[in-house]
């Protein structure tokens, strides 16, 4: 699946219940996250469906986490958590369609008796206000948060949704072309005439194999073209014969006279 570049998922600051993400939690999440220990998934709006074909199915996994201090701009000096996502094709399509461009992480302050913060998920959304400033005040003022049903655990924390720049790493080409292969042969650091002659011999063999394959493909195409030409010529011949037949058909004709009936009567001998 496509692997994203690291993107800034959260900066030390507000959460959806009026609390703040302290610097220590960001460091702990970056240092403690391990997919082999406890993998965390990406979803939409922090809604986790058990149905694989649901709109709210998982859209990937969190592959890696790290932190860095912001060096410029209005957030200079603050610590940011950077996340890398192993995305599904559906998440890539959403990104291409410029949908769900904001992210909000879910984490637990003290996970599994470790006493450290742990990243448990990331949600993508289109409306930062749904997890942002307007929701912050509302969630902080009531006992039961409207986001409670979306949490993986009752003590989980949702951070404020922030806009992200989700880009994906370029996939490495698995195949090398003929020119690259031959160049690699002649760039080896070998000594001696035998080694150089061996490289030349291998390169010639490789070129011969490639050329033979191309000629085989070309021969097959020529055969197909020849068969198509024969079929086309036959069709043209039939069409020409049909035109000739139609051109000789008499176009002059007269309509049969209408029947006038009979004036004679049939007599019965009684």
Protein backbone atom coordinates (compact mmCIF):
# COMPACT_ATOMS: atom_id res chain seq x y z
CA UNK A 1 0.00 0.00 0.00
CA UNK A 2 1.16 3.63 -0.50
CA UNK A 3 3.29 5.03 2.32
CA UNK A 4 2.80 8.71 3.14
CA UNK A 5 5.54 11.15 3.90
CA UNK A 6 5.71 12.29 7.51
CA UNK A 7 3.12 14.98 8.15
CA UNK A 8 2.39 17.18 11.16
CA UNK A 9 -0.55 15.56 12.94
CA UNK A 10 -0.66 17.58 16.15
CA UNK A 11 1.17 20.37 17.94
CA UNK A 12 1.25 20.69 21.70
CA UNK A 13 -2.02 22.44 22.46
CA UNK A 14 -5.80 22.01 22.66
CA UNK A 15 -7.81 18.79 22.75
CA UNK A 16 -11.52 18.22 22.23
CA UNK A 17 -12.34 18.30 25.94
CA UNK A 18 -10.63 21.53 26.91
CA UNK A 19 -7.36 19.96 28.02
CA UNK A 20 -3.98 20.42 26.38
CA UNK A 21 -1.49 18.08 24.76
CA UNK A 22 1.69 18.66 26.77
CA UNK A 23 5.16 18.42 25.26
CA UNK A 24 5.88 15.33 27.34
CA UNK A 25 2.98 13.44 25.77
CA UNK A 26 4.23 14.16 22.26
CA UNK A 27 7.68 12.85 23.15
CA UNK A 28 6.22 9.75 24.80
CA UNK A 29 3.96 8.99 21.83
CA UNK A 30 6.88 9.27 19.42
CA UNK A 31 9.15 7.10 21.54
CA UNK A 32 6.61 4.47 22.59
CA UNK A 33 4.73 3.81 19.37
CA UNK A 34 5.41 0.35 17.99
CA UNK A 35 3.07 -1.32 15.47
CA UNK A 36 4.29 -4.74 16.59
CA UNK A 37 3.22 -3.93 20.17
CA UNK A 38 -0.06 -2.21 19.38
CA UNK A 39 -0.92 -1.08 15.87
CA UNK A 40 -3.13 1.97 15.39
CA UNK A 41 -5.40 2.62 12.43
CA UNK A 42 -6.60 5.55 10.34
CA UNK A 43 -10.32 6.24 10.00
CA UNK A 44 -12.84 8.93 9.11
CA UNK A 45 -14.22 11.23 11.80
CA UNK A 46 -12.92 8.85 14.52
CA UNK A 47 -15.80 6.50 13.68
CA UNK A 48 -14.78 2.84 13.68
CA UNK A 49 -17.09 0.43 11.87
CA UNK A 50 -16.81 -3.34 12.20
CA UNK A 51 -18.01 -3.76 8.60
CA UNK A 52 -15.22 -3.97 6.00
CA UNK A 53 -17.39 -2.40 3.28
CA UNK A 54 -18.64 0.46 5.45
CA UNK A 55 -17.86 4.08 4.61
CA UNK A 56 -16.28 4.24 8.07
CA UNK A 57 -13.95 1.28 7.61
CA UNK A 58 -10.23 1.61 8.27
CA UNK A 59 -8.27 3.64 5.72
CA UNK A 60 -4.78 2.52 6.65
CA UNK A 61 -2.36 2.07 9.52
CA UNK A 62 0.00 4.36 11.38
CA UNK A 63 3.41 3.15 10.20
CA UNK A 64 5.78 5.39 12.14
CA UNK A 65 5.83 8.38 14.50
CA UNK A 66 8.44 10.99 15.39
CA UNK A 67 8.57 14.48 16.85
CA UNK A 68 10.31 17.71 15.96
CA UNK A 69 10.44 21.26 17.26
CA UNK A 70 8.96 23.85 14.91
CA UNK A 71 11.70 26.27 13.87
CA UNK A 72 9.72 29.11 12.30
CA UNK A 73 6.30 30.70 11.96
CA UNK A 74 3.72 31.47 14.64
CA UNK A 75 4.23 28.03 16.24
CA UNK A 76 7.99 28.42 16.53
CA UNK A 77 9.38 26.62 19.54
CA UNK A 78 6.43 24.26 19.95
CA UNK A 79 6.80 20.52 19.63
CA UNK A 80 4.95 18.72 16.82
CA UNK A 81 4.12 15.06 16.37
CA UNK A 82 4.83 13.77 12.86
CA UNK A 83 2.98 10.73 11.60
CA UNK A 84 3.55 8.41 8.64
CA UNK A 85 0.56 6.45 7.34
CA UNK A 86 0.48 3.19 5.41
CA UNK A 87 -2.59 4.18 3.42
CA UNK A 88 -5.21 2.21 1.54
CA UNK A 89 -6.03 3.09 -2.06
CA UNK A 90 -9.29 4.62 -0.82
CA UNK A 91 -7.40 7.14 1.32
CA UNK A 92 -5.23 8.06 -1.66
CA UNK A 93 -8.37 8.68 -3.73
CA UNK A 94 -9.79 10.90 -0.97
CA UNK A 95 -6.58 12.91 -0.96
CA UNK A 96 -6.67 13.28 -4.76
CA UNK A 97 -10.26 14.50 -4.49
CA UNK A 98 -9.20 16.99 -1.76
CA UNK A 99 -11.51 15.35 0.79
CA UNK A 100 -10.80 14.83 4.51
CA UNK A 101 -7.83 17.21 4.55
CA UNK A 102 -7.75 17.70 8.33
CA UNK A 103 -6.49 15.20 10.88
CA UNK A 104 -7.04 14.61 14.58
CA UNK A 105 -5.17 12.01 16.61
CA UNK A 106 -6.51 9.82 19.38
CA UNK A 107 -4.22 8.90 22.25
CA UNK A 108 -4.29 7.57 25.79
CA UNK A 109 -2.33 9.35 28.51
CA UNK A 110 -1.32 6.20 30.38
CA UNK A 111 -1.54 3.21 28.12
CA UNK A 112 -1.57 -0.42 29.31
CA UNK A 113 0.01 0.33 32.67
CA UNK A 114 3.12 1.74 31.02
CA UNK A 115 2.53 5.15 32.50
CA UNK A 116 3.27 6.74 29.11
CA UNK A 117 1.13 8.33 26.42
CA UNK A 118 0.41 6.10 23.43
CA UNK A 119 -0.98 6.96 19.99
CA UNK A 120 -4.09 4.81 19.38
CA UNK A 121 -5.47 6.21 16.13
CA UNK A 122 -5.84 9.07 13.67
CA UNK A 123 -9.04 10.41 12.15
CA UNK A 124 -9.46 12.40 8.95
CA UNK A 125 -12.18 15.04 8.63
CA UNK A 126 -13.30 17.89 6.36
CA UNK A 127 -14.54 20.23 9.07
CA UNK A 128 -11.99 21.20 11.70
CA UNK A 129 -14.74 22.88 13.73
CA UNK A 130 -16.28 19.47 14.40
CA UNK A 131 -13.30 18.69 16.55
CA UNK A 132 -12.01 22.23 16.87
CA UNK A 133 -12.82 25.47 18.64
CA UNK A 134 -16.62 25.27 18.57
CA UNK A 135 -16.64 21.70 19.85
CA UNK A 136 -13.94 22.36 22.44
CA UNK A 137 -16.06 24.64 24.59
CA UNK A 138 -19.13 22.43 24.32
CA UNK A 139 -17.25 19.25 25.24
CA UNK A 140 -15.54 20.89 28.19
CA UNK A 141 -18.82 22.11 29.69
CA UNK A 142 -20.78 18.85 29.84
CA UNK A 143 -20.23 15.61 31.66
CA UNK A 144 -20.81 13.34 28.66
CA UNK A 145 -18.94 14.45 25.55
CA UNK A 146 -20.75 13.98 22.21
CA UNK A 147 -17.52 12.38 21.00
CA UNK A 148 -17.50 9.76 23.75
CA UNK A 149 -19.02 7.05 21.56
CA UNK A 150 -16.20 7.43 19.05
CA UNK A 151 -13.40 6.78 21.56
CA UNK A 152 -11.63 3.42 21.70
CA UNK A 153 -11.47 3.84 25.48
CA UNK A 154 -13.34 6.15 27.81
CA UNK A 155 -10.13 7.92 28.83
CA UNK A 156 -8.91 8.44 25.25
CA UNK A 157 -8.20 12.00 24.11
CA UNK A 158 -9.03 13.54 20.72
CA UNK A 159 -6.84 16.43 19.62
CA UNK A 160 -8.04 19.48 17.75
CA UNK A 161 -8.28 18.81 14.00
CA UNK A 162 -5.55 20.51 11.99
CA UNK A 163 -4.98 20.76 8.25
CA UNK A 164 -2.36 18.36 6.95
CA UNK A 165 -0.29 18.04 3.81
CA UNK A 166 -0.64 14.35 3.01
CA UNK A 167 1.83 13.34 0.32
CA UNK A 168 2.92 9.85 -0.65
CA UNK A 169 6.37 8.48 -1.29
CA UNK A 170 7.15 7.71 -4.92
CA UNK A 171 7.03 3.99 -5.60
CA UNK A 172 10.35 2.50 -6.63
CA UNK A 173 10.44 0.90 -10.05
CA UNK A 174 10.83 -2.85 -9.66
CA UNK A 175 12.14 -3.35 -13.18
CA UNK A 176 15.28 -1.94 -14.74
CA UNK A 177 15.52 -1.21 -18.41
CA UNK A 178 18.08 -2.65 -20.79
CA UNK A 179 20.26 0.45 -20.87
CA UNK A 180 20.49 0.60 -17.08
CA UNK A 181 21.48 -3.06 -16.89
CA UNK A 182 24.25 -2.68 -19.47
CA UNK A 183 25.56 0.48 -17.82
CA UNK A 184 25.75 -1.34 -14.51
CA UNK A 185 27.89 -4.04 -16.11
CA UNK A 186 30.46 -1.54 -17.35
CA UNK A 187 30.58 0.51 -14.16
CA UNK A 188 31.76 -2.41 -12.02
CA UNK A 189 35.16 -1.90 -10.52
CA UNK A 190 36.85 -4.95 -12.01
CA UNK A 191 40.44 -5.43 -13.05
CA UNK A 192 41.95 -7.57 -15.74
CA UNK A 193 41.14 -8.22 -19.37
CA UNK A 194 39.20 -11.39 -18.59
CA UNK A 195 36.74 -9.51 -16.37
CA UNK A 196 36.18 -6.79 -18.95
CA UNK A 197 35.73 -9.30 -21.78
CA UNK A 198 33.28 -11.25 -19.65
CA UNK A 199 31.21 -8.08 -19.15
CA UNK A 200 31.22 -7.40 -22.89
CA UNK A 201 30.15 -10.98 -23.58
CA UNK A 202 27.29 -10.76 -21.08
CA UNK A 203 26.17 -7.41 -22.48
CA UNK A 204 26.11 -8.77 -26.05
CA UNK A 205 24.11 -11.80 -24.92
CA UNK A 206 21.63 -9.57 -23.10
CA UNK A 207 21.18 -7.34 -26.15
CA UNK A 208 20.72 -10.39 -28.36
CA UNK A 209 18.05 -11.79 -26.03
CA UNK A 210 16.19 -8.50 -25.96
CA UNK A 211 16.39 -8.08 -29.74
CA UNK A 212 15.21 -11.67 -30.27
CA UNK A 213 12.23 -11.03 -28.03
CA UNK A 214 11.35 -7.85 -29.92
CA UNK A 215 11.60 -9.64 -33.28
CA UNK A 216 9.36 -12.43 -32.02
CA UNK A 217 6.75 -9.89 -30.97
CA UNK A 218 7.10 -8.09 -34.31
CA UNK A 219 6.65 -11.37 -36.21
CA UNK A 220 3.47 -12.09 -34.28
CA UNK A 221 2.14 -8.62 -35.10
CA UNK A 222 2.96 -9.08 -38.77
CA UNK A 223 1.07 -12.38 -38.79
CA UNK A 224 -1.96 -10.74 -37.18
CA UNK A 225 -1.81 -7.89 -39.69
CA UNK A 226 -1.64 -10.35 -42.59
CA UNK A 227 -4.70 -12.24 -41.32
CA UNK A 228 -6.63 -9.01 -40.86
CA UNK A 229 -5.67 -7.87 -44.38
CA UNK A 230 -6.92 -11.15 -45.90
CA UNK A 231 -10.22 -10.81 -44.05
CA UNK A 232 -10.51 -7.17 -45.12
CA UNK A 233 -9.84 -8.02 -48.78
CA UNK A 234 -12.52 -10.72 -48.69
CA UNK A 235 -15.02 -8.30 -47.22
CA UNK A 236 -14.20 -5.69 -49.87
CA UNK A 237 -14.66 -8.31 -52.62
CA UNK A 238 -18.07 -9.32 -51.28
CA UNK A 239 -19.10 -5.68 -51.07
CA UNK A 240 -18.01 -5.06 -54.66
CA UNK A 241 -20.00 -8.08 -55.88
CA UNK A 242 -23.06 -6.88 -54.01
CA UNK A 243 -22.78 -3.44 -55.60
CA UNK A 244 -22.50 -5.05 -59.05
CA UNK A 245 -25.58 -7.17 -58.47
CA UNK A 246 -27.60 -4.22 -57.25
CA UNK A 247 -26.52 -2.07 -60.19
CA UNK A 248 -27.91 -4.67 -62.62
CA UNK A 249 -31.27 -4.93 -60.91
CA UNK A 250 -34.11 -3.56 -63.08
CA UNK A 251 -35.49 -0.45 -61.48
CA UNK A 252 -38.39 -0.05 -63.97
CA UNK A 253 -41.51 -1.85 -62.88
CA UNK A 254 -45.26 -1.34 -63.11
CA UNK A 255 -47.87 -2.07 -60.52
CA UNK A 256 -50.29 -4.90 -61.21
CA UNK A 257 -53.77 -3.72 -62.25
CA UNK A 258 -56.39 -3.85 -59.59
CA UNK A 259 -58.86 -6.70 -59.69
CA UNK A 260 -62.31 -5.62 -61.02
CA UNK A 261 -64.16 -8.67 -59.83
CA UNK A 262 -66.52 -10.85 -61.92
CA UNK A 263 -69.99 -10.04 -63.32
CA UNK A 264 -70.97 -13.67 -63.82
CA UNK A 265 -73.22 -15.34 -61.33
CA UNK A 266 -73.15 -18.91 -60.27
CA UNK A 267 -76.50 -20.61 -60.85
CA UNK A 268 -77.76 -23.44 -58.75
CA UNK A 269 -79.73 -26.27 -60.31
CA UNK A 270 -82.59 -26.92 -57.92
